[in-house]
Amino acid sequence: MVVALFRWLIDQAMLFARFVYPLLRSQPLWLIPYLIATVIIWGLLSLVIGKDQTDLLGSGVPQIEAILKDQ
């Protein structure tokens, strides 16, 4: 369910980008609210991730392979 939601969010972000980027090009004043929204989203994500940021390195594939070899 989490992976499906993540992929859906990526699809929605791509659709949003196809709408927003041409708008930002034709009306540069919209860049200000766009940047403010980006900083707000960044802040919320940093609060959610919190202290676990040190564990977020690399792709995770070697760790999964090591776990599977032990089983």
Protein backbone atom coordinates (compact mmCIF):
# COMPACT_ATOMS: atom_id res chain seq x y z
CA MET A 1 0.00 0.00 0.00
CA VAL A 2 2.84 2.37 0.85
CA VAL A 3 4.61 1.70 -2.44
CA ALA A 4 1.39 2.22 -4.40
CA LEU A 5 0.74 5.50 -2.60
CA PHE A 6 4.33 6.61 -3.22
CA ARG A 7 4.06 5.85 -6.95
CA TRP A 8 0.71 7.62 -7.14
CA LEU A 9 2.22 10.70 -5.47
CA ILE A 10 5.06 10.67 -7.98
CA ASP A 11 2.56 10.53 -10.85
CA GLN A 12 0.59 13.42 -9.37
CA ALA A 13 3.78 15.43 -8.89
CA MET A 14 4.68 14.91 -12.54
CA LEU A 15 1.24 16.07 -13.66
CA PHE A 16 1.57 19.09 -11.37
CA ALA A 17 5.03 19.89 -12.80
CA ARG A 18 3.66 19.82 -16.36
CA PHE A 19 1.15 22.46 -15.33
CA VAL A 20 3.29 24.60 -13.02
CA TYR A 21 6.56 24.95 -14.92
CA PRO A 22 5.02 26.56 -18.02
CA LEU A 23 3.05 28.84 -15.70
CA LEU A 24 6.23 29.86 -13.88
CA ARG A 25 7.88 30.58 -17.20
CA SER A 26 5.07 32.81 -18.43
CA GLN A 27 4.33 34.46 -15.05
CA PRO A 28 7.51 34.64 -12.94
CA LEU A 29 5.71 36.17 -9.93
CA TRP A 30 4.25 32.73 -9.23
CA LEU A 31 7.79 31.65 -8.44
CA ILE A 32 7.54 33.29 -5.00
CA PRO A 33 4.59 31.19 -3.71
CA TYR A 34 6.13 28.13 -5.36
CA LEU A 35 9.38 28.62 -3.46
CA ILE A 36 7.53 29.27 -0.20
CA ALA A 37 5.49 26.07 -0.66
CA THR A 38 8.69 24.15 -1.42
CA VAL A 39 10.34 25.38 1.78
CA ILE A 40 7.23 24.49 3.80
CA ILE A 41 7.16 20.97 2.36
CA TRP A 42 10.89 20.63 3.03
CA GLY A 43 10.34 21.69 6.65
CA LEU A 44 7.49 19.22 7.14
CA LEU A 45 9.54 16.38 5.68
CA SER A 46 12.49 17.22 7.89
CA LEU A 47 10.19 17.10 10.93
CA VAL A 48 8.81 13.72 9.88
CA ILE A 49 12.23 12.23 9.19
CA GLY A 50 13.80 13.85 12.25
CA LYS A 51 16.81 12.11 13.72
CA ASP A 52 16.50 9.12 11.38
CA GLN A 53 18.29 11.07 8.64
CA THR A 54 21.58 9.39 9.50
CA ASP A 55 20.10 6.03 8.55
CA LEU A 56 19.10 7.23 5.06
CA LEU A 57 22.21 6.50 3.03
CA GLY A 58 22.56 4.75 -0.29
CA SER A 59 20.04 2.56 -2.05
CA GLY A 60 19.67 -0.03 0.70
CA VAL A 61 20.30 -2.89 -1.72
CA PRO A 62 23.47 -4.15 0.04
CA GLN A 63 21.63 -4.18 3.37
CA ILE A 64 18.74 -6.20 1.91
CA GLU A 65 21.16 -8.63 0.28
CA ALA A 66 22.95 -9.11 3.62
CA ILE A 67 19.65 -9.79 5.37
CA LEU A 68 18.59 -12.32 2.72
CA LYS A 69 21.95 -14.15 2.88
CA ASP A 70 21.57 -14.64 6.62
CA GLN A 71 18.14 -16.23 6.10
